[in-house]
Amino acid sequence: MSEGKTWPEDVIERMKGYAERLGIQTGEAANKFREWLAVEFSVEDPLDEDPFYLTQWSEQFVIESRNISAGRLRETASYVGMFVGIEDSERDNRKGAFDRAVNMFNSNRDRAIDEGHIGILTAKEGVWHINGKATSERVDGSNLPWYGFEHGDMILCLLNTRNGERKPMAPKSISRTAYFMGSPESGGDIQMWRINLQGKSMNAGYEKWEACKIQVIEPTNKDSDTLYTNNNFHETVEYTNEWLPEHLRTALSPDRLLINPKMHNEFVDLADLVEAHEDRKIVTNNGMTMNPIVITKGYITYLNKEPMDSEYDPTGRSYRLNIYGPNVDPVTVWVSGRMHDEDRVFEYKDAKGNWRGYNEKTQVIVVGRLRLRPYNNEMQASLSALGIHIPHKTARPAGGSGDTTLEQFGGNKE
């Protein structure tokens, strides 16, 4: 095995770019490159190879991996509709597996190792070993390998069995969920879809309420409402309504589509939120209740644009507005600090596309997570907003009483 050798500068730069694009660590990118070299060119120790060919191989690896992330090898389908919301925070999809493996290790170390859940890492002769077996991952000073984590005075890793061989995997798998109202372009019912975002796509900007076409990986389970994505998903979103027949564009505008129960099953009248929670909540196998996502509408009766201290919000602040409807007590809508910072939740676009503030009595359409709490011997509904849409024709502009011109109704045209 080569000693004291390092990757050529060109290879390092390519690995950094690859890691940044996929949202992973550079060490994990280098490990993927090593695995690719072993499969494609039977290279056992890349650092013993001619640097010239390492540079050529790294270029080939990046090009081929870009093809994969662009969906040429991961088949995608076109969906059409609009983004209607996005979760505030990222989620670690591996947390459950991580906790179970570590708990098993704490209670029965031998079982956790023998069954292939946990590996013990040690550094020996310049490379990392897992359960005493050498890997291709070199020791880099005090840095842990991309799959390692500290546990007490030990360094461990999660293991996953693939093709009969136990392989390390990253201790975390971070994603963020966006919400999309639409259907397959090939045809199907309109519904709310959860889009699993990863890497750079988690923090990319998405235009809500705008007609668009997206490329997604469909679930294998037909009953699932989750769509998966390639790492360059955000680069493939196409904002266009060309897929929509002209005679349907008015009916499928956000002002009308979102609140039309004949078009989908996501809308709930403000007066029916408590009952809807009982009907739509999801109870997991361990007894936890998952609050449902709904769409509702109301008119603003209270609007507080000043932040409130919040120990539950990562930003330390949240915002609040109340909405009401006919014969309905006001319902609180909570706006997170991140949503406030990333969305113009206290403004709307007027008919000319200009951003304007709005006043109380403005109609709002809310996409949010429905929650219940007891209050005066009754259950009271509230919403944690994921998206807030302000139809400009029913908005009450700040500093005015609304658009009173005939143009808003198309009534002053020749």
Protein backbone atom coordinates (compact mmCIF):
# COMPACT_ATOMS: atom_id res chain seq x y z
CA MET A 1 0.00 0.00 0.00
CA SER A 2 1.32 3.47 -0.92
CA GLU A 3 2.67 5.62 1.91
CA GLY A 4 2.88 9.40 1.97
CA LYS A 5 1.19 9.83 -1.40
CA THR A 6 -1.72 12.19 -1.97
CA TRP A 7 -4.28 12.84 -4.65
CA PRO A 8 -3.26 15.15 -7.52
CA GLU A 9 -4.60 18.70 -7.17
CA ASP A 10 -6.92 18.28 -10.17
CA VAL A 11 -8.49 15.20 -8.57
CA ILE A 12 -8.95 16.98 -5.23
CA GLU A 13 -10.71 19.91 -6.92
CA ARG A 14 -13.03 17.56 -8.80
CA MET A 15 -13.87 15.66 -5.61
CA LYS A 16 -14.65 18.93 -3.82
CA GLY A 17 -16.97 19.98 -6.65
CA TYR A 18 -18.63 16.56 -6.71
CA ALA A 19 -19.13 16.64 -2.93
CA GLU A 20 -20.60 20.15 -3.03
CA ARG A 21 -23.04 19.20 -5.79
CA LEU A 22 -24.27 16.14 -3.87
CA GLY A 23 -24.20 17.80 -0.45
CA ILE A 24 -21.73 15.26 1.00
CA GLN A 25 -18.27 15.43 2.54
CA THR A 26 -15.17 15.41 0.34
CA GLY A 27 -14.00 12.20 2.01
CA GLU A 28 -17.22 10.44 1.05
CA ALA A 29 -16.80 11.67 -2.53
CA ALA A 30 -13.26 10.27 -2.62
CA ASN A 31 -14.53 6.96 -1.27
CA LYS A 32 -17.13 6.78 -4.06
CA PHE A 33 -14.36 7.52 -6.55
CA ARG A 34 -12.26 4.67 -5.10
CA GLU A 35 -15.21 2.26 -5.38
CA TRP A 36 -15.84 3.39 -8.96
CA LEU A 37 -12.17 2.80 -9.88
CA ALA A 38 -12.25 -0.68 -8.37
CA VAL A 39 -15.35 -1.65 -10.36
CA GLU A 40 -14.59 0.07 -13.66
CA PHE A 41 -10.79 -0.35 -13.91
CA SER A 42 -9.86 -2.91 -11.21
CA VAL A 43 -7.72 -0.31 -9.42
CA GLU A 44 -7.01 -1.51 -5.88
CA ASP A 45 -4.88 1.39 -4.62
CA PRO A 46 -5.45 4.57 -6.65
CA LEU A 47 -2.51 6.41 -5.08
CA ASP A 48 -0.12 3.87 -6.60
CA GLU A 49 -1.36 4.81 -10.08
CA ASP A 50 0.10 7.34 -12.49
CA PRO A 51 -1.24 10.81 -11.51
CA PHE A 52 -1.94 11.51 -15.19
CA TYR A 53 -4.44 8.65 -15.36
CA LEU A 54 -5.91 9.52 -11.97
CA THR A 55 -6.75 12.94 -13.38
CA GLN A 56 -8.31 11.42 -16.50
CA TRP A 57 -10.30 8.91 -14.46
CA SER A 58 -11.57 11.60 -12.09
CA GLU A 59 -12.89 13.60 -15.02
CA GLN A 60 -14.62 10.52 -16.40
CA PHE A 61 -16.07 9.71 -12.97
CA VAL A 62 -17.53 13.20 -12.52
CA ILE A 63 -19.05 13.20 -16.01
CA GLU A 64 -20.65 9.80 -15.54
CA SER A 65 -21.96 10.68 -12.07
CA ARG A 66 -23.42 13.91 -13.44
CA ASN A 67 -25.29 11.85 -16.01
CA ILE A 68 -26.68 9.72 -13.20
CA SER A 69 -27.75 12.72 -11.11
CA ALA A 70 -29.34 14.30 -14.17
CA GLY A 71 -31.67 11.32 -14.36
CA ARG A 72 -30.22 9.58 -17.41
CA LEU A 73 -29.64 6.46 -15.34
CA ARG A 74 -32.21 7.21 -12.63
CA GLU A 75 -35.47 7.30 -14.50
CA THR A 76 -37.67 10.29 -13.85
CA ALA A 77 -41.22 11.23 -14.76
CA SER A 78 -42.65 14.67 -15.52
CA TYR A 79 -45.18 16.07 -13.05
CA VAL A 80 -47.06 19.31 -13.60
CA GLY A 81 -48.64 21.69 -11.14
CA MET A 82 -47.25 24.19 -8.62
CA PHE A 83 -45.22 24.35 -5.43
CA VAL A 84 -47.45 25.25 -2.48
CA GLY A 85 -45.19 24.92 0.55
CA ILE A 86 -41.95 23.73 2.06
CA GLU A 87 -40.95 22.52 5.52
CA ASP A 88 -38.92 24.91 7.65
CA SER A 89 -36.33 22.41 8.75
CA GLU A 90 -34.37 19.54 7.34
CA ARG A 91 -34.94 16.02 8.58
CA ASP A 92 -32.50 13.24 9.34
CA ASN A 93 -34.07 10.19 7.71
CA ARG A 94 -31.46 7.94 9.30
CA LYS A 95 -32.04 9.02 12.89
CA GLY A 96 -34.29 6.06 13.73
CA ALA A 97 -31.80 3.52 12.37
CA PHE A 98 -28.95 5.36 14.09
CA ASP A 99 -30.69 5.36 17.47
CA ARG A 100 -31.67 1.70 17.22
CA ALA A 101 -28.14 0.63 16.28
CA VAL A 102 -26.48 2.67 19.03
CA ASN A 103 -29.00 1.51 21.64
CA MET A 104 -28.32 -2.10 20.65
CA PHE A 105 -24.58 -1.45 20.90
CA ASN A 106 -25.03 0.02 24.39
CA SER A 107 -27.07 -2.94 25.62
CA ASN A 108 -25.41 -5.78 23.72
CA ARG A 109 -22.19 -4.84 21.97
CA ASP A 110 -21.47 -8.30 20.58
CA ARG A 111 -24.92 -8.61 19.02
CA ALA A 112 -24.71 -5.17 17.39
CA ILE A 113 -21.39 -6.11 15.81
CA ASP A 114 -22.22 -9.73 14.91
CA GLU A 115 -25.52 -8.75 13.24
CA GLY A 116 -23.81 -6.04 11.20
CA HIS A 117 -25.41 -2.93 12.71
CA ILE A 118 -22.33 -1.24 14.16
CA GLY A 119 -18.63 -1.21 13.32
CA ILE A 120 -15.80 -0.19 15.64
CA LEU A 121 -13.25 2.03 13.92
CA THR A 122 -9.55 1.97 14.64
CA ALA A 123 -6.64 3.68 12.89
CA LYS A 124 -3.73 1.41 12.02
CA GLU A 125 -0.86 1.75 9.56
CA GLY A 126 -2.33 4.92 8.10
CA VAL A 127 -5.77 3.55 7.21
CA TRP A 128 -9.05 3.09 9.02
CA HIS A 129 -10.12 -0.40 10.05
CA ILE A 130 -13.71 -1.51 10.69
CA ASN A 131 -13.98 -4.32 13.24
CA GLY A 132 -10.31 -5.07 12.60
CA LYS A 133 -10.60 -5.18 8.80
CA ALA A 134 -8.64 -2.61 6.77
CA THR A 135 -10.54 -0.21 4.52
CA SER A 136 -9.35 2.01 1.67
CA GLU A 137 -10.05 5.14 3.74
CA ARG A 138 -6.81 6.82 4.76
CA VAL A 139 -6.32 8.47 8.13
CA ASP A 140 -6.27 12.25 7.72
CA GLY A 141 -4.89 13.78 10.90
CA SER A 142 -7.57 14.14 13.56
CA ASN A 143 -10.42 14.06 11.01
CA LEU A 144 -12.87 11.20 11.20
CA PRO A 145 -13.78 9.31 8.03
CA TRP A 146 -17.05 10.44 6.44
CA TYR A 147 -18.92 7.51 8.01
CA GLY A 148 -17.39 7.73 11.53
CA PHE A 149 -18.87 9.24 14.69
CA GLU A 150 -17.67 9.49 18.27
CA HIS A 151 -19.43 7.49 20.98
CA GLY A 152 -17.91 7.89 24.41
CA ASP A 153 -14.21 7.14 24.01
CA MET A 154 -14.81 5.06 20.88
CA ILE A 155 -15.25 5.77 17.17
CA LEU A 156 -18.09 3.86 15.53
CA CYS A 157 -19.90 3.62 12.22
CA LEU A 158 -23.24 2.34 11.00
CA LEU A 159 -23.12 -0.68 8.73
CA ASN A 160 -25.38 -1.73 5.90
CA THR A 161 -25.29 -5.11 4.18
CA ARG A 162 -25.16 -4.83 0.38
CA ASN A 163 -24.66 -7.82 -1.89
CA GLY A 164 -23.68 -9.89 1.09
CA GLU A 165 -20.96 -7.45 2.18
CA ARG A 166 -21.12 -5.09 5.13
CA LYS A 167 -20.43 -1.50 4.08
CA PRO A 168 -20.23 1.67 6.18
CA MET A 169 -22.81 4.38 5.66
CA ALA A 170 -23.05 7.99 6.76
CA PRO A 171 -24.57 8.43 10.24
CA LYS A 172 -27.02 10.98 8.86
CA SER A 173 -29.20 11.26 5.75
CA ILE A 174 -30.55 14.80 5.58
CA SER A 175 -33.53 15.84 3.46
CA ARG A 176 -36.19 18.55 3.33
CA THR A 177 -39.78 18.20 2.17
CA ALA A 178 -41.49 20.47 -0.35
CA TYR A 179 -45.20 20.25 -1.18
CA PHE A 180 -46.46 20.17 -4.73
CA MET A 181 -50.06 20.34 -5.93
CA GLY A 182 -50.33 18.57 -9.25
CA SER A 183 -50.33 15.29 -11.12
CA PRO A 184 -48.26 13.25 -13.56
CA GLU A 185 -48.06 14.98 -16.93
CA SER A 186 -49.15 11.68 -18.48
CA GLY A 187 -52.45 11.94 -16.60
CA GLY A 188 -53.88 11.29 -13.15
CA ASP A 189 -55.73 12.89 -10.26
CA ILE A 190 -54.58 16.18 -8.78
CA GLN A 191 -53.29 15.81 -5.23
CA MET A 192 -50.73 17.09 -2.75
CA TRP A 193 -47.34 15.43 -3.21
CA ARG A 194 -44.41 15.42 -0.82
CA ILE A 195 -41.13 16.00 -2.64
CA ASN A 196 -38.03 14.64 -0.94
CA LEU A 197 -35.20 17.15 -1.50
CA GLN A 198 -31.51 16.46 -0.89
CA GLY A 199 -28.18 18.25 -1.29
CA LYS A 200 -28.32 21.72 -2.80
CA SER A 201 -31.96 21.21 -3.74
CA MET A 202 -32.91 21.53 -0.06
CA ASN A 203 -32.04 25.21 0.07
CA ALA A 204 -32.80 26.26 -3.49
CA GLY A 205 -35.50 28.87 -4.04
CA TYR A 206 -38.80 27.59 -5.41
CA GLU A 207 -41.51 29.87 -6.79
CA LYS A 208 -44.77 28.98 -5.09
CA TRP A 209 -48.13 29.33 -6.88
CA GLU A 210 -46.47 29.38 -10.32
CA ALA A 211 -47.31 26.72 -12.92
CA CYS A 212 -44.32 24.49 -13.51
CA LYS A 213 -43.05 21.12 -14.68
CA ILE A 214 -40.77 19.02 -12.50
CA GLN A 215 -38.74 15.83 -12.95
CA VAL A 216 -39.16 13.32 -10.12
CA ILE A 217 -38.57 9.68 -9.28
CA GLU A 218 -41.92 8.05 -8.69
CA PRO A 219 -42.52 5.86 -5.62
CA THR A 220 -42.56 2.11 -6.08
CA ASN A 221 -45.58 1.94 -3.76
CA LYS A 222 -48.59 3.25 -5.65
CA ASP A 223 -50.25 4.36 -2.40
CA SER A 224 -47.31 6.59 -1.45
CA ASP A 225 -47.55 10.36 -1.85
CA THR A 226 -43.78 10.91 -1.73
CA LEU A 227 -41.79 11.76 -4.85
CA TYR A 228 -38.02 11.43 -4.84
CA THR A 229 -35.46 13.53 -6.67
CA ASN A 230 -32.07 13.50 -8.29
CA ASN A 231 -29.48 15.77 -6.74
CA ASN A 232 -29.87 18.41 -9.44
CA PHE A 233 -33.65 18.57 -9.10
CA HIS A 234 -33.68 22.32 -8.50
CA GLU A 235 -31.89 22.89 -11.81
CA THR A 236 -34.53 20.99 -13.79
CA VAL A 237 -37.65 22.82 -12.57
CA GLU A 238 -39.30 24.53 -15.53
CA TYR A 239 -41.72 27.36 -14.78
CA THR A 240 -44.21 27.25 -17.61
CA ASN A 241 -47.92 26.72 -18.24
CA GLU A 242 -47.46 25.48 -21.79
CA TRP A 243 -48.49 22.01 -20.62
CA LEU A 244 -51.88 23.41 -19.60
CA PRO A 245 -54.58 23.84 -22.29
CA GLU A 246 -55.48 27.50 -22.58
CA HIS A 247 -59.15 26.94 -21.77
CA LEU A 248 -58.19 25.43 -18.38
CA ARG A 249 -55.68 28.04 -17.24
CA THR A 250 -58.23 30.14 -15.37
CA ALA A 251 -59.80 27.17 -13.57
CA LEU A 252 -56.37 25.87 -12.59
CA SER A 253 -54.99 29.19 -11.36
CA PRO A 254 -53.98 29.06 -7.67
CA ASP A 255 -56.85 31.38 -6.64
CA ARG A 256 -59.37 28.81 -7.88
CA LEU A 257 -57.60 25.46 -7.84
CA LEU A 258 -56.46 25.51 -4.22
CA ILE A 259 -59.96 25.97 -2.79
CA ASN A 260 -61.93 23.83 -5.26
CA PRO A 261 -62.97 20.55 -3.55
CA LYS A 262 -64.17 19.21 -6.90
CA MET A 263 -60.59 19.24 -8.21
CA HIS A 264 -58.87 17.55 -5.24
CA ASN A 265 -59.35 16.38 -1.66
CA GLU A 266 -56.87 18.67 0.08
CA PHE A 267 -59.18 21.63 0.85
CA VAL A 268 -60.92 21.86 4.24
CA ASP A 269 -63.38 24.56 5.20
CA LEU A 270 -62.25 26.64 8.16
CA ALA A 271 -65.28 25.47 10.16
CA ASP A 272 -64.36 21.79 9.65
CA LEU A 273 -60.72 21.81 10.77
CA VAL A 274 -61.30 19.97 14.07
CA GLU A 275 -63.22 17.16 12.37
CA ALA A 276 -60.69 17.04 9.53
CA HIS A 277 -57.86 16.44 11.99
CA GLU A 278 -59.58 13.35 13.33
CA ASP A 279 -60.24 12.05 9.82
CA ARG A 280 -56.82 12.82 8.32
CA LYS A 281 -54.30 12.35 11.13
CA ILE A 282 -51.89 9.46 10.78
CA VAL A 283 -51.11 7.24 13.76
CA THR A 284 -47.78 5.43 13.43
CA ASN A 285 -47.05 1.90 14.61
CA ASN A 286 -45.49 3.22 17.81
CA GLY A 287 -48.59 5.27 18.62
CA MET A 288 -47.32 8.69 17.55
CA THR A 289 -49.79 11.03 15.84
CA MET A 290 -48.71 12.83 12.69
CA ASN A 291 -50.64 16.03 12.12
CA PRO A 292 -52.15 16.29 8.62
CA ILE A 293 -51.37 18.88 5.94
CA VAL A 294 -54.46 20.76 4.72
CA ILE A 295 -55.46 23.74 2.60
CA THR A 296 -57.97 26.22 3.97
CA LYS A 297 -58.96 29.84 3.46
CA GLY A 298 -60.07 32.72 5.65
CA TYR A 299 -59.97 36.44 6.16
CA ILE A 300 -57.39 38.14 8.32
CA THR A 301 -58.71 39.47 11.58
CA TYR A 302 -55.36 39.93 13.30
CA LEU A 303 -51.97 40.56 11.72
CA ASN A 304 -48.78 40.82 13.77
CA LYS A 305 -45.71 41.55 11.67
CA GLU A 306 -43.49 41.86 14.73
CA PRO A 307 -41.57 38.73 15.79
CA MET A 308 -42.51 36.81 18.91
CA ASP A 309 -39.94 34.93 20.98
CA SER A 310 -40.19 31.18 20.38
CA GLU A 311 -38.18 28.45 22.09
CA TYR A 312 -39.44 25.94 19.52
CA ASP A 313 -38.35 27.80 16.38
CA PRO A 314 -34.67 27.37 15.34
CA THR A 315 -34.51 31.12 14.63
CA GLY A 316 -35.85 31.90 18.11
CA ARG A 317 -38.82 33.80 16.71
CA SER A 318 -42.15 33.28 15.01
CA TYR A 319 -45.00 35.38 13.65
CA ARG A 320 -48.76 35.14 13.98
CA LEU A 321 -51.91 35.98 12.12
CA ASN A 322 -55.54 35.03 12.79
CA ILE A 323 -58.08 34.17 10.12
CA TYR A 324 -61.84 33.84 10.34
CA GLY A 325 -64.81 32.82 8.24
CA PRO A 326 -68.61 32.91 8.44
CA ASN A 327 -69.72 31.78 11.93
CA VAL A 328 -66.21 30.56 12.73
CA ASP A 329 -64.03 31.64 15.63
CA PRO A 330 -60.61 32.95 14.57
CA VAL A 331 -57.96 30.34 13.82
CA THR A 332 -54.31 31.10 14.55
CA VAL A 333 -51.78 30.66 11.76
CA TRP A 334 -48.16 30.45 12.90
CA VAL A 335 -45.38 31.60 10.59
CA SER A 336 -41.86 30.40 11.31
CA GLY A 337 -38.84 32.66 11.36
CA ARG A 338 -37.33 30.90 8.35
CA MET A 339 -40.54 31.19 6.33
CA HIS A 340 -40.72 34.87 7.20
CA ASP A 341 -37.13 35.37 6.01
CA GLU A 342 -37.44 33.36 2.79
CA ASP A 343 -41.03 34.18 1.73
CA ARG A 344 -42.73 37.55 1.51
CA VAL A 345 -45.57 36.33 3.71
CA PHE A 346 -46.81 39.83 4.59
CA GLU A 347 -46.92 40.99 0.98
CA TYR A 348 -48.73 40.00 -2.20
CA LYS A 349 -48.24 40.57 -5.91
CA ASP A 350 -50.73 42.99 -7.42
CA ALA A 351 -52.11 42.74 -10.97
CA LYS A 352 -48.96 44.43 -12.31
CA GLY A 353 -46.61 42.07 -10.51
CA ASN A 354 -45.55 44.59 -7.87
CA TRP A 355 -45.16 43.54 -4.25
CA ARG A 356 -47.49 45.33 -1.82
CA GLY A 357 -48.36 45.00 1.83
CA TYR A 358 -51.87 43.97 2.82
CA ASN A 359 -54.24 44.80 5.65
CA GLU A 360 -56.72 42.95 7.80
CA LYS A 361 -59.85 41.59 6.06
CA THR A 362 -57.65 40.32 3.23
CA GLN A 363 -58.47 36.81 2.02
CA VAL A 364 -55.65 34.31 2.49
CA ILE A 365 -55.26 30.70 1.39
CA VAL A 366 -53.12 28.73 3.81
CA VAL A 367 -51.29 25.46 3.23
CA GLY A 368 -50.30 24.25 6.66
CA ARG A 369 -49.91 21.54 9.25
CA LEU A 370 -53.12 21.23 11.25
CA ARG A 371 -52.78 20.96 15.02
CA LEU A 372 -55.31 20.68 17.88
CA ARG A 373 -55.13 21.70 21.52
CA PRO A 374 -57.72 21.70 24.31
CA TYR A 375 -59.22 25.09 25.17
CA ASN A 376 -62.28 25.74 27.38
CA ASN A 377 -63.29 22.06 27.27
CA GLU A 378 -63.11 22.03 23.46
CA MET A 379 -60.50 21.26 20.87
CA GLN A 380 -59.10 24.32 19.15
CA ALA A 381 -57.43 24.20 15.72
CA SER A 382 -54.32 26.07 14.64
CA LEU A 383 -52.08 25.92 11.57
CA SER A 384 -48.32 25.98 11.14
CA ALA A 385 -47.98 27.59 7.74
CA LEU A 386 -46.01 25.96 4.94
CA GLY A 387 -47.27 28.38 2.31
CA ILE A 388 -49.57 31.43 2.28
CA HIS A 389 -51.20 32.62 -0.94
CA ILE A 390 -52.84 36.05 -1.26
CA PRO A 391 -55.20 36.35 -4.27
CA HIS A 392 -54.58 39.88 -5.47
CA LYS A 393 -58.21 40.55 -6.46
CA THR A 394 -59.44 40.10 -2.88
CA ALA A 395 -56.45 41.69 -1.14
CA ARG A 396 -56.85 44.84 0.94
CA PRO A 397 -53.69 46.83 0.20
CA ALA A 398 -51.96 48.40 3.15
CA GLY A 399 -52.89 52.08 3.25
CA GLY A 400 -56.00 51.57 1.11
CA SER A 401 -59.33 49.78 0.93
CA GLY A 402 -58.61 47.65 -2.10
CA ASP A 403 -58.73 47.95 -5.85
CA THR A 404 -61.93 49.77 -6.77
CA THR A 405 -61.23 50.24 -10.46
CA LEU A 406 -63.28 48.49 -13.13
CA GLU A 407 -60.10 46.99 -14.57
CA GLN A 408 -59.92 44.43 -11.75
CA PHE A 409 -63.16 42.92 -13.10
CA GLY A 410 -62.28 43.39 -16.74
CA GLY A 411 -65.14 45.86 -16.96
CA ASN A 412 -63.39 48.84 -18.49
CA LYS A 413 -62.30 47.23 -21.70
CA GLU A 414 -63.45 48.06 -25.18
